[in-house]
Amino acid sequence: MKNIQDLLCRGVKEIVVKKDLEQALASGKRLRVKLGLDPNIPDLHLGHAFNLRKLRAFQDLGHTAGLIIGDYTATIGDPSGKDKSREAVDAKATSANGKQFLEQIFKILDKDKTEVHPNSEWFSKMNFLEVLDLASKISMEHIMSHETFRQRIAKYQPFFLHEIFYPLMQGYDSVMVRADVELGALEQKFNLLTGRRLQRAFGQKEQNLLMTDYLLGLDGREKMSKSLGNFISLRDSATQMFGKVMSIPDTAIGHYFEMCTDIRESEIKEFEKRIKAGEGKQVKIELAHKITEIYHGEKGAKKAEQDFEAVFAQNKMPDKMDKHSFGAQKISIVGAMIESGLVASRSEARRLIEQGGVKINGEKVGDENLVVNLSKPKILQVGKRRFLKIKK
């Protein structure tokens, strides 16, 4: 019961319907628990990992994990909270990204106990009459209750017909896997509720919803997001992951302990007392070690901690660092930063250069138009903690 309460409370913002879900969990009934992820990019980050860890907790209690790789929904993109249509993503790209997702996902989930379904599994087989039949199951009154849609119409912002299919498609995923429970961020509430409506329309029991908080990004203010460049990727090396955790502000340490580790609440309170007592750096090192250990093991975490101390306490470069080949002898500094994944956008690259946060072989880059000659490998440093050996 203690594990069940932790599952239902830790990082959870709202449950629909809580009493029903509590009774189902207490009864010992084996539930089908759904989580959907859209592979519009190849990276998952620690924000995604929170719900994956929730799903793993359900697995550990004996329930079935149903993982939806939204290769078709990702071609539209969730319109929630967006003031303009998202750019279309090619289905081949989403399919390729989905395969890369699985490599990261199974760092958390038990592969042998996970059902994986790309939603192209059913959407690619539907003819137009079947699409129309699906559309007939949801009223326009419900669709127009979506806050994002209402706001865009009120502000005369573009709003296209295909976007209303996103919640319909996500909801239909729940029908196809006969979900008893769906996990998702609170901002996904409209889409999750649409799943309940569709299940009812198809004669199924409506799924319970467990909606969670979001993880703050490295700045400790905004939601962790690849587009904002404030994320920690599950594909980061141990050294990169450790260093990025060390960059978060002290005010976010307790939040990261809660959202990214299994540390008990009583222990988190003790860590917060130590931070107030001036032990912020040491507590953050312990946090970085615990998070890195989850994805890279104790050995990887220990080596990452040693690398961190060598770089920042002794002012050395790490002994080992990731490498990236560009296939060309010359590349612009901004292009190198974007293509290697060190930054998410040109604007972020230019901002870091203007702030003096980019170095080549230890020398500060002052010109955003710099062309890097890769006739010999070079060390690209972005910020204080990201190092990359680049070559042609």
Protein backbone atom coordinates (compact mmCIF):
# COMPACT_ATOMS: atom_id res chain seq x y z
CA MET A 1 0.00 0.00 0.00
CA LYS A 2 2.92 2.33 0.70
CA ASN A 3 4.16 1.82 -2.88
CA ILE A 4 0.65 2.50 -4.19
CA GLN A 5 0.37 5.76 -2.25
CA ASP A 6 3.78 6.87 -3.50
CA LEU A 7 2.69 6.02 -7.04
CA LEU A 8 -0.50 8.09 -6.69
CA CYS A 9 1.04 11.08 -4.89
CA ARG A 10 4.62 11.71 -5.96
CA GLY A 11 4.67 14.40 -8.63
CA VAL A 12 0.96 13.84 -9.33
CA LYS A 13 -1.26 16.90 -9.97
CA GLU A 14 -4.68 15.28 -10.61
CA ILE A 15 -6.31 11.85 -10.85
CA VAL A 16 -9.54 10.99 -12.70
CA VAL A 17 -11.21 9.12 -10.94
CA LYS A 18 -8.98 8.75 -7.85
CA LYS A 19 -11.25 6.56 -5.69
CA ASP A 20 -11.86 4.18 -8.58
CA LEU A 21 -8.13 3.88 -9.30
CA GLU A 22 -7.28 3.34 -5.63
CA GLN A 23 -9.84 0.55 -5.39
CA ALA A 24 -8.57 -1.10 -8.58
CA LEU A 25 -4.98 -1.02 -7.32
CA ALA A 26 -5.93 -2.32 -3.88
CA SER A 27 -8.00 -5.16 -5.39
CA GLY A 28 -4.98 -6.75 -7.02
CA LYS A 29 -6.58 -6.51 -10.47
CA ARG A 30 -4.01 -6.45 -13.27
CA LEU A 31 -4.41 -3.13 -15.07
CA ARG A 32 -3.42 -2.07 -18.56
CA VAL A 33 -1.52 1.21 -18.15
CA LYS A 34 -0.94 3.39 -21.21
CA LEU A 35 1.68 6.04 -21.90
CA GLY A 36 2.04 7.73 -25.28
CA LEU A 37 5.17 9.47 -26.58
CA ASP A 38 5.40 11.38 -29.87
CA PRO A 39 8.75 10.81 -31.65
CA ASN A 40 8.93 14.19 -33.40
CA ILE A 41 12.59 14.33 -32.27
CA PRO A 42 15.04 11.46 -31.56
CA ASP A 43 15.77 12.50 -27.97
CA LEU A 44 13.91 11.80 -24.76
CA HIS A 45 14.86 13.86 -21.70
CA LEU A 46 14.48 13.62 -17.94
CA GLY A 47 11.06 15.28 -18.18
CA HIS A 48 9.82 12.37 -20.31
CA ALA A 49 11.57 9.96 -17.95
CA PHE A 50 9.33 10.94 -15.03
CA ASN A 51 6.25 9.33 -16.57
CA LEU A 52 8.33 6.43 -17.85
CA ARG A 53 9.43 5.84 -14.26
CA LYS A 54 5.78 6.01 -13.18
CA LEU A 55 5.01 3.38 -15.80
CA ARG A 56 7.87 1.24 -14.49
CA ALA A 57 6.39 1.53 -10.98
CA PHE A 58 3.12 0.12 -12.33
CA GLN A 59 5.11 -2.71 -13.92
CA ASP A 60 6.81 -3.47 -10.61
CA LEU A 61 3.37 -3.79 -9.02
CA GLY A 62 2.44 -6.42 -11.62
CA HIS A 63 0.51 -4.30 -14.13
CA THR A 64 0.86 -4.31 -17.92
CA ALA A 65 2.65 -1.37 -19.54
CA GLY A 66 1.22 -0.31 -22.89
CA LEU A 67 3.64 2.09 -24.60
CA ILE A 68 2.33 4.01 -27.60
CA ILE A 69 4.95 5.40 -29.98
CA GLY A 70 2.93 8.10 -31.70
CA ASP A 71 4.56 8.01 -35.11
CA TYR A 72 1.27 9.16 -36.69
CA THR A 73 0.21 11.69 -34.02
CA ALA A 74 3.71 13.18 -34.20
CA THR A 75 3.17 14.10 -37.85
CA ILE A 76 0.55 16.62 -36.60
CA GLY A 77 2.03 17.54 -33.24
CA ASP A 78 0.00 18.29 -30.13
CA PRO A 79 -1.60 21.74 -30.60
CA SER A 80 -2.15 22.22 -26.84
CA GLY A 81 -0.73 25.53 -25.67
CA LYS A 82 0.45 26.51 -29.15
CA ASP A 83 -0.53 29.79 -30.79
CA LYS A 84 0.22 28.52 -34.31
CA SER A 85 0.17 25.26 -36.23
CA ARG A 86 3.18 23.04 -35.74
CA GLU A 87 5.28 22.19 -38.77
CA ALA A 88 4.43 18.83 -40.29
CA VAL A 89 6.92 16.04 -39.57
CA ASP A 90 7.47 13.34 -42.18
CA ALA A 91 6.14 9.90 -41.17
CA LYS A 92 9.46 8.27 -42.14
CA ALA A 93 11.27 10.60 -39.72
CA THR A 94 8.87 9.86 -36.87
CA SER A 95 9.25 6.14 -37.48
CA ALA A 96 13.06 6.41 -37.37
CA ASN A 97 12.89 8.57 -34.25
CA GLY A 98 10.60 5.99 -32.63
CA LYS A 99 13.26 3.31 -33.02
CA GLN A 100 15.77 5.57 -31.28
CA PHE A 101 13.19 6.19 -28.52
CA LEU A 102 13.14 2.50 -27.66
CA GLU A 103 16.88 2.43 -26.96
CA GLN A 104 16.32 5.14 -24.34
CA ILE A 105 13.00 3.85 -23.01
CA PHE A 106 14.37 0.45 -22.08
CA LYS A 107 16.90 2.08 -19.78
CA ILE A 108 13.81 2.50 -17.57
CA LEU A 109 11.10 0.01 -18.54
CA ASP A 110 11.28 -3.77 -18.29
CA LYS A 111 11.45 -4.75 -21.96
CA ASP A 112 9.98 -8.21 -21.36
CA LYS A 113 6.92 -6.73 -19.64
CA THR A 114 6.20 -3.91 -22.08
CA GLU A 115 3.77 -3.90 -25.00
CA VAL A 116 5.03 -1.46 -27.64
CA HIS A 117 2.59 -0.17 -30.26
CA PRO A 118 3.41 2.48 -32.90
CA ASN A 119 0.02 4.02 -33.63
CA SER A 120 0.68 3.58 -37.34
CA GLU A 121 -0.25 -0.01 -36.46
CA TRP A 122 -3.91 1.00 -36.75
CA PHE A 123 -4.00 4.43 -38.38
CA SER A 124 -2.08 3.31 -41.49
CA LYS A 125 -4.78 0.68 -42.15
CA MET A 126 -7.82 2.95 -41.85
CA ASN A 127 -9.71 3.96 -44.97
CA PHE A 128 -11.48 7.29 -45.24
CA LEU A 129 -14.88 5.92 -44.25
CA GLU A 130 -13.34 4.57 -41.05
CA VAL A 131 -11.78 7.99 -40.38
CA LEU A 132 -15.20 9.59 -40.80
CA ASP A 133 -16.73 7.02 -38.45
CA LEU A 134 -14.11 7.83 -35.82
CA ALA A 135 -14.76 11.57 -36.24
CA SER A 136 -18.49 10.95 -35.70
CA LYS A 137 -17.78 9.74 -32.15
CA ILE A 138 -16.77 13.21 -30.83
CA SER A 139 -18.93 16.34 -31.00
CA MET A 140 -17.66 19.72 -32.18
CA GLU A 141 -18.93 21.08 -28.87
CA HIS A 142 -16.30 18.95 -27.11
CA ILE A 143 -13.56 19.87 -29.60
CA MET A 144 -14.26 23.58 -29.24
CA SER A 145 -14.05 23.32 -25.46
CA HIS A 146 -10.29 22.95 -26.00
CA GLU A 147 -8.83 26.17 -24.59
CA THR A 148 -6.09 26.38 -27.24
CA PHE A 149 -8.58 26.16 -30.11
CA ARG A 150 -10.87 28.77 -28.56
CA GLN A 151 -8.03 31.21 -27.97
CA ARG A 152 -6.64 30.91 -31.48
CA ILE A 153 -10.04 31.57 -33.04
CA ALA A 154 -10.65 34.52 -30.69
CA LYS A 155 -7.26 36.02 -31.63
CA TYR A 156 -7.75 35.35 -35.37
CA GLN A 157 -4.72 33.06 -35.34
CA PRO A 158 -4.52 30.26 -37.92
CA PHE A 159 -6.39 27.12 -36.87
CA PHE A 160 -6.50 24.23 -39.35
CA LEU A 161 -8.89 21.31 -39.56
CA HIS A 162 -6.22 18.60 -39.24
CA GLU A 163 -5.29 19.88 -35.77
CA ILE A 164 -8.60 18.79 -34.26
CA PHE A 165 -7.65 15.23 -35.18
CA TYR A 166 -4.76 15.19 -32.70
CA PRO A 167 -6.87 14.66 -29.54
CA LEU A 168 -9.09 12.28 -31.52
CA MET A 169 -6.08 10.18 -32.54
CA GLN A 170 -4.52 10.14 -29.08
CA GLY A 171 -7.86 9.15 -27.60
CA TYR A 172 -8.33 6.35 -30.13
CA ASP A 173 -4.99 4.88 -29.03
CA SER A 174 -6.65 4.19 -25.65
CA VAL A 175 -9.48 2.35 -27.40
CA MET A 176 -7.07 0.19 -29.39
CA VAL A 177 -5.03 -0.93 -26.36
CA ARG A 178 -8.10 -1.07 -24.07
CA ALA A 179 -6.34 1.10 -21.46
CA ASP A 180 -7.50 1.00 -17.84
CA VAL A 181 -5.19 3.86 -16.87
CA GLU A 182 -3.44 6.55 -18.89
CA LEU A 183 -0.42 8.56 -17.72
CA GLY A 184 0.33 12.05 -18.96
CA ALA A 185 1.28 15.58 -18.02
CA LEU A 186 -1.50 17.82 -16.69
CA GLU A 187 -1.28 19.93 -19.86
CA GLN A 188 -2.48 16.82 -21.74
CA LYS A 189 -5.78 16.76 -19.84
CA PHE A 190 -8.02 17.55 -22.82
CA ASN A 191 -6.47 14.77 -24.91
CA LEU A 192 -6.69 12.27 -22.04
CA LEU A 193 -10.34 13.11 -21.40
CA THR A 194 -11.04 12.65 -25.10
CA GLY A 195 -9.74 9.11 -24.68
CA ARG A 196 -12.37 8.49 -22.00
CA ARG A 197 -15.13 9.80 -24.29
CA LEU A 198 -14.03 7.57 -27.15
CA GLN A 199 -13.80 4.50 -24.93
CA ARG A 200 -17.37 5.15 -23.81
CA ALA A 201 -18.46 5.55 -27.44
CA PHE A 202 -16.87 2.20 -28.29
CA GLY A 203 -18.49 0.44 -25.33
CA GLN A 204 -15.37 0.22 -23.18
CA LYS A 205 -14.91 1.15 -19.52
CA GLU A 206 -13.44 4.65 -19.28
CA GLN A 207 -9.78 4.79 -18.33
CA ASN A 208 -8.60 6.44 -15.14
CA LEU A 209 -6.20 9.33 -15.68
CA LEU A 210 -3.06 10.00 -13.66
CA MET A 211 -1.80 13.47 -14.57
CA THR A 212 1.61 14.62 -13.45
CA ASP A 213 3.65 17.74 -12.86
CA TYR A 214 6.35 18.80 -15.32
CA LEU A 215 10.09 18.85 -14.66
CA LEU A 216 11.79 22.25 -14.59
CA GLY A 217 14.61 22.77 -17.05
CA LEU A 218 18.24 23.57 -16.25
CA ASP A 219 17.36 27.22 -15.60
CA GLY A 220 15.03 26.20 -12.76
CA ARG A 221 12.24 28.37 -14.21
CA GLU A 222 10.87 27.07 -17.52
CA LYS A 223 9.57 23.58 -18.29
CA MET A 224 12.31 21.23 -19.51
CA SER A 225 12.14 21.39 -23.29
CA LYS A 226 14.38 20.57 -26.23
CA SER A 227 13.18 23.68 -28.06
CA LEU A 228 14.38 25.84 -25.16
CA GLY A 229 17.70 24.00 -24.95
CA ASN A 230 17.31 23.52 -21.18
CA PHE A 231 17.10 19.73 -21.17
CA ILE A 232 19.08 16.68 -20.08
CA SER A 233 18.83 13.99 -22.74
CA LEU A 234 18.64 10.30 -21.92
CA ARG A 235 21.24 9.94 -24.70
CA ASP A 236 23.72 12.21 -22.90
CA SER A 237 26.95 10.59 -21.81
CA ALA A 238 27.46 10.08 -18.08
CA THR A 239 29.81 13.07 -17.97
CA GLN A 240 27.36 15.31 -19.83
CA MET A 241 24.44 14.23 -17.64
CA PHE A 242 26.37 14.75 -14.41
CA GLY A 243 27.62 18.16 -15.51
CA LYS A 244 24.18 19.36 -16.59
CA VAL A 245 22.63 18.38 -13.25
CA MET A 246 25.39 20.35 -11.54
CA SER A 247 24.30 23.44 -13.52
CA ILE A 248 20.78 23.63 -12.01
CA PRO A 249 20.15 26.33 -9.38
CA ASP A 250 20.07 25.26 -5.72
CA THR A 251 16.37 26.17 -5.59
CA ALA A 252 15.60 23.28 -7.99
CA ILE A 253 17.53 20.55 -6.15
CA GLY A 254 14.57 19.31 -4.08
CA HIS A 255 12.36 19.31 -7.19
CA TYR A 256 14.91 17.17 -9.08
CA PHE A 257 15.22 14.73 -6.16
CA GLU A 258 11.43 14.30 -6.22
CA MET A 259 11.00 14.04 -9.99
CA CYS A 260 14.18 12.23 -11.06
CA THR A 261 15.05 9.83 -8.22
CA ASP A 262 13.41 7.38 -5.83
CA ILE A 263 14.66 9.19 -2.72
CA ARG A 264 11.99 9.25 0.00
CA GLU A 265 10.31 12.51 1.00
CA SER A 266 11.89 12.42 4.47
CA GLU A 267 15.36 12.18 2.89
CA ILE A 268 14.59 15.06 0.51
CA LYS A 269 13.71 17.24 3.50
CA GLU A 270 17.08 16.40 5.06
CA PHE A 271 18.84 17.38 1.84
CA GLU A 272 16.94 20.69 1.83
CA LYS A 273 18.10 21.37 5.40
CA ARG A 274 21.69 20.77 4.31
CA ILE A 275 21.26 23.22 1.41
CA LYS A 276 20.06 25.90 3.83
CA ALA A 277 23.09 25.13 5.97
CA GLY A 278 25.39 25.97 3.06
CA GLU A 279 26.01 22.48 1.68
CA GLY A 280 24.35 23.14 -1.67
CA LYS A 281 27.30 22.03 -3.82
CA GLN A 282 27.79 18.73 -1.99
CA VAL A 283 24.06 17.95 -2.05
CA LYS A 284 23.99 18.71 -5.77
CA ILE A 285 26.90 16.33 -6.33
CA GLU A 286 24.92 13.60 -4.56
CA LEU A 287 21.89 14.42 -6.73
CA ALA A 288 23.95 14.34 -9.93
CA HIS A 289 25.48 11.01 -8.89
CA LYS A 290 22.07 9.42 -8.18
CA ILE A 291 20.53 10.59 -11.47
CA THR A 292 23.55 9.57 -13.55
CA GLU A 293 23.66 6.17 -11.82
CA ILE A 294 20.07 5.42 -12.94
CA TYR A 295 21.04 5.70 -16.63
CA HIS A 296 24.75 4.81 -16.63
CA GLY A 297 25.27 2.60 -13.58
CA GLU A 298 27.42 3.17 -10.51
CA LYS A 299 30.66 2.90 -12.48
CA GLY A 300 29.56 5.54 -15.00
CA ALA A 301 28.34 7.88 -12.26
CA LYS A 302 31.59 7.56 -10.31
CA LYS A 303 33.70 8.31 -13.40
CA ALA A 304 31.46 11.27 -14.29
CA GLU A 305 31.92 12.69 -10.79
CA GLN A 306 35.69 12.32 -11.12
CA ASP A 307 35.59 14.06 -14.51
CA PHE A 308 33.55 16.89 -13.02
CA GLU A 309 36.03 17.40 -10.19
CA ALA A 310 38.94 17.30 -12.64
CA VAL A 311 37.38 19.92 -14.90
CA PHE A 312 36.07 22.33 -12.31
CA ALA A 313 38.11 21.81 -9.18
CA GLN A 314 41.43 21.28 -10.98
CA ASN A 315 40.60 23.25 -14.18
CA LYS A 316 41.33 20.34 -16.54
CA MET A 317 39.51 18.95 -19.54
CA PRO A 318 37.82 15.56 -19.04
CA ASP A 319 39.92 12.51 -19.97
CA LYS A 320 37.09 11.14 -22.11
CA MET A 321 34.52 13.08 -24.10
CA ASP A 322 32.00 12.41 -26.84
CA LYS A 323 33.09 12.72 -30.47
CA HIS A 324 31.28 14.02 -33.54
CA SER A 325 32.31 13.75 -37.19
CA PHE A 326 30.92 16.27 -39.67
CA GLY A 327 32.12 14.74 -42.95
CA ALA A 328 33.62 18.06 -44.05
CA GLN A 329 36.92 19.83 -43.44
CA LYS A 330 35.28 23.17 -42.68
CA ILE A 331 32.10 24.04 -40.80
CA SER A 332 30.68 27.20 -39.28
CA ILE A 333 30.82 27.40 -35.49
CA VAL A 334 27.04 27.85 -35.30
CA GLY A 335 26.49 24.89 -37.64
CA ALA A 336 28.84 22.72 -35.57
CA MET A 337 26.96 23.52 -32.37
CA ILE A 338 23.56 22.74 -33.91
CA GLU A 339 24.51 19.62 -35.88
CA SER A 340 26.31 18.07 -32.91
CA GLY A 341 23.26 18.63 -30.69
CA LEU A 342 25.04 20.94 -28.22
CA VAL A 343 22.35 23.58 -28.82
CA ALA A 344 18.80 23.43 -30.15
CA SER A 345 18.75 26.55 -32.34
CA ARG A 346 20.81 29.23 -34.09
CA SER A 347 19.55 31.87 -31.69
CA GLU A 348 20.78 29.85 -28.71
CA ALA A 349 24.18 29.34 -30.40
CA ARG A 350 24.56 33.07 -31.11
CA ARG A 351 23.52 33.97 -27.56
CA LEU A 352 26.14 31.66 -26.06
CA ILE A 353 28.84 33.07 -28.35
CA GLU A 354 27.88 36.65 -27.42
CA GLN A 355 28.07 35.71 -23.73
CA GLY A 356 31.57 34.25 -24.17
CA GLY A 357 30.37 30.73 -23.44
CA VAL A 358 31.89 28.98 -26.48
CA LYS A 359 35.54 27.90 -26.85
CA ILE A 360 37.60 26.04 -29.45
CA ASN A 361 40.68 24.33 -27.98
CA GLY A 362 40.31 26.47 -24.88
CA GLU A 363 40.16 29.80 -26.76
CA LYS A 364 36.99 31.89 -26.53
CA VAL A 365 35.02 32.31 -29.76
CA GLY A 366 34.02 35.92 -30.34
CA ASP A 367 32.72 35.76 -33.91
CA GLU A 368 29.46 33.97 -34.68
CA ASN A 369 30.58 33.75 -38.34
CA LEU A 370 33.73 31.81 -37.47
CA VAL A 371 34.51 28.88 -39.79
CA VAL A 372 36.25 26.01 -38.00
CA ASN A 373 39.00 24.17 -39.90
CA LEU A 374 38.85 20.47 -39.06
CA SER A 375 42.02 19.36 -40.84
CA LYS A 376 42.93 18.39 -37.26
CA PRO A 377 40.43 17.39 -34.53
CA LYS A 378 39.47 20.16 -32.13
CA ILE A 379 37.79 20.44 -28.72
CA LEU A 380 34.51 22.38 -28.80
CA GLN A 381 33.36 23.63 -25.39
CA VAL A 382 29.89 25.09 -24.84
CA GLY A 383 29.27 26.58 -21.42
CA LYS A 384 31.24 25.30 -18.47
CA ARG A 385 30.30 21.65 -18.65
CA ARG A 386 29.84 20.52 -22.25
CA PHE A 387 32.88 19.27 -24.17
CA LEU A 388 32.95 17.62 -27.58
CA LYS A 389 35.82 16.41 -29.73
CA ILE A 390 34.97 17.42 -33.29
CA LYS A 391 36.57 16.22 -36.52
CA LYS A 392 35.88 16.09 -40.25
